[in-house]
Amino acid sequence: MGLGKTIQSIALLSEVFAAGVQGPFLIIAPLSTITNWEREFSTWTDMNAIVYHGSLASRQMIQQYEMYCKDDK
């Protein structure tokens, strides 16, 4: 604990995103740390962080409306 693993992981994904890989990126974490991950993503990056959790209907709604990648090409 306290080694900066969350920030290191977020920095890596941010650099990959800046290099042109649009994602989506999947982070698997215990439910007790999900809010921490979401908060750190919003603090350190401009990337869109989505918590993919809940019932089948809510996950399908997330897939349909939140998980997208706008291609500028």
C-alpha atoms as a PDB file:
ATOM      1  CA  MET A   1       0.000   0.000   0.000  1.00  0.00           C
ATOM      2  CA  GLY A   2       1.132   3.523  -0.696  1.00  0.00           C
ATOM      3  CA  LEU A   3       3.492   2.586  -3.532  1.00  0.00           C
ATOM      4  CA  GLY A   4       1.645   4.574  -6.186  1.00  0.00           C
ATOM      5  CA  LYS A   5       0.461   1.608  -8.228  1.00  0.00           C
ATOM      6  CA  THR A   6      -2.830   3.288  -9.108  1.00  0.00           C
ATOM      7  CA  ILE A   7      -1.155   6.465 -10.344  1.00  0.00           C
ATOM      8  CA  GLN A   8       1.502   4.493 -12.237  1.00  0.00           C
ATOM      9  CA  SER A   9      -1.198   2.488 -14.006  1.00  0.00           C
ATOM     10  CA  ILE A  10      -3.185   5.611 -14.830  1.00  0.00           C
ATOM     11  CA  ALA A  11      -0.058   7.374 -16.125  1.00  0.00           C
ATOM     12  CA  LEU A  12       0.698   4.412 -18.393  1.00  0.00           C
ATOM     13  CA  LEU A  13      -2.836   4.375 -19.804  1.00  0.00           C
ATOM     14  CA  SER A  14      -2.728   8.135 -20.257  1.00  0.00           C
ATOM     15  CA  GLU A  15       0.487   7.869 -22.284  1.00  0.00           C
ATOM     16  CA  VAL A  16      -0.956   5.060 -24.398  1.00  0.00           C
ATOM     17  CA  PHE A  17      -4.051   7.197 -24.978  1.00  0.00           C
ATOM     18  CA  ALA A  18      -1.896  10.211 -25.913  1.00  0.00           C
ATOM     19  CA  ALA A  19       0.032   8.023 -28.380  1.00  0.00           C
ATOM     20  CA  GLY A  20      -3.196   7.470 -30.322  1.00  0.00           C
ATOM     21  CA  VAL A  21      -4.657   4.246 -28.939  1.00  0.00           C
ATOM     22  CA  GLN A  22      -8.226   5.275 -28.170  1.00  0.00           C
ATOM     23  CA  GLY A  23      -9.190   2.239 -26.092  1.00  0.00           C
ATOM     24  CA  PRO A  24     -11.419   1.270 -24.391  1.00  0.00           C
ATOM     25  CA  PHE A  25      -9.155   0.150 -21.576  1.00  0.00           C
ATOM     26  CA  LEU A  26     -10.421  -2.265 -18.941  1.00  0.00           C
ATOM     27  CA  ILE A  27      -9.300  -2.042 -15.326  1.00  0.00           C
ATOM     28  CA  ILE A  28     -10.370  -4.815 -13.013  1.00  0.00           C
ATOM     29  CA  ALA A  29     -10.339  -3.815  -9.362  1.00  0.00           C
ATOM     30  CA  PRO A  30     -12.078  -4.786  -6.125  1.00  0.00           C
ATOM     31  CA  LEU A  31     -15.403  -3.040  -5.571  1.00  0.00           C
ATOM     32  CA  SER A  32     -13.984  -1.333  -2.495  1.00  0.00           C
ATOM     33  CA  THR A  33     -11.450   0.565  -4.645  1.00  0.00           C
ATOM     34  CA  ILE A  34     -13.605   1.426  -7.680  1.00  0.00           C
ATOM     35  CA  THR A  35     -14.473   4.926  -6.456  1.00  0.00           C
ATOM     36  CA  ASN A  36     -10.783   5.595  -5.792  1.00  0.00           C
ATOM     37  CA  TRP A  37      -9.866   4.556  -9.349  1.00  0.00           C
ATOM     38  CA  GLU A  38     -12.608   6.728 -10.840  1.00  0.00           C
ATOM     39  CA  ARG A  39     -11.558   9.726  -8.736  1.00  0.00           C
ATOM     40  CA  GLU A  40      -7.883   9.333  -9.662  1.00  0.00           C
ATOM     41  CA  PHE A  41      -8.695   9.048 -13.374  1.00  0.00           C
ATOM     42  CA  SER A  42     -10.639  12.306 -13.243  1.00  0.00           C
ATOM     43  CA  THR A  43      -7.863  13.969 -11.228  1.00  0.00           C
ATOM     44  CA  TRP A  44      -4.890  12.937 -13.357  1.00  0.00           C
ATOM     45  CA  THR A  45      -6.297  12.588 -16.909  1.00  0.00           C
ATOM     46  CA  ASP A  46      -8.883  13.913 -19.324  1.00  0.00           C
ATOM     47  CA  MET A  47      -9.976  10.377 -20.156  1.00  0.00           C
ATOM     48  CA  ASN A  48     -13.579   9.278 -19.661  1.00  0.00           C
ATOM     49  CA  ALA A  49     -13.797   6.773 -16.778  1.00  0.00           C
ATOM     50  CA  ILE A  50     -16.861   4.538 -16.677  1.00  0.00           C
ATOM     51  CA  VAL A  51     -17.748   2.160 -13.861  1.00  0.00           C
ATOM     52  CA  TYR A  52     -18.992  -0.955 -15.631  1.00  0.00           C
ATOM     53  CA  HIS A  53     -20.967  -2.568 -12.835  1.00  0.00           C
ATOM     54  CA  GLY A  54     -24.550  -3.407 -12.057  1.00  0.00           C
ATOM     55  CA  SER A  55     -27.432  -5.402 -13.451  1.00  0.00           C
ATOM     56  CA  LEU A  56     -27.540  -6.748 -16.995  1.00  0.00           C
ATOM     57  CA  ALA A  57     -29.802  -3.896 -18.080  1.00  0.00           C
ATOM     58  CA  SER A  58     -27.526  -1.220 -16.637  1.00  0.00           C
ATOM     59  CA  ARG A  59     -24.417  -2.793 -18.206  1.00  0.00           C
ATOM     60  CA  GLN A  60     -26.163  -2.920 -21.585  1.00  0.00           C
ATOM     61  CA  MET A  61     -27.101   0.754 -21.191  1.00  0.00           C
ATOM     62  CA  ILE A  62     -23.468   1.596 -20.430  1.00  0.00           C
ATOM     63  CA  GLN A  63     -22.316  -0.327 -23.508  1.00  0.00           C
ATOM     64  CA  GLN A  64     -24.821   1.419 -25.723  1.00  0.00           C
ATOM     65  CA  TYR A  65     -24.416   5.014 -24.550  1.00  0.00           C
ATOM     66  CA  GLU A  66     -21.127   5.399 -22.673  1.00  0.00           C
ATOM     67  CA  MET A  67     -18.554   3.103 -24.298  1.00  0.00           C
ATOM     68  CA  TYR A  68     -17.737   4.758 -27.570  1.00  0.00           C
ATOM     69  CA  CYS A  69     -14.670   5.984 -29.353  1.00  0.00           C
ATOM     70  CA  LYS A  70     -15.028   8.977 -31.644  1.00  0.00           C
ATOM     71  CA  ASP A  71     -12.796   8.406 -34.645  1.00  0.00           C
ATOM     72  CA  ASP A  72     -11.571  11.643 -36.217  1.00  0.00           C
ATOM     73  CA  LYS A  73     -10.510   9.898 -39.446  1.00  0.00           C
END
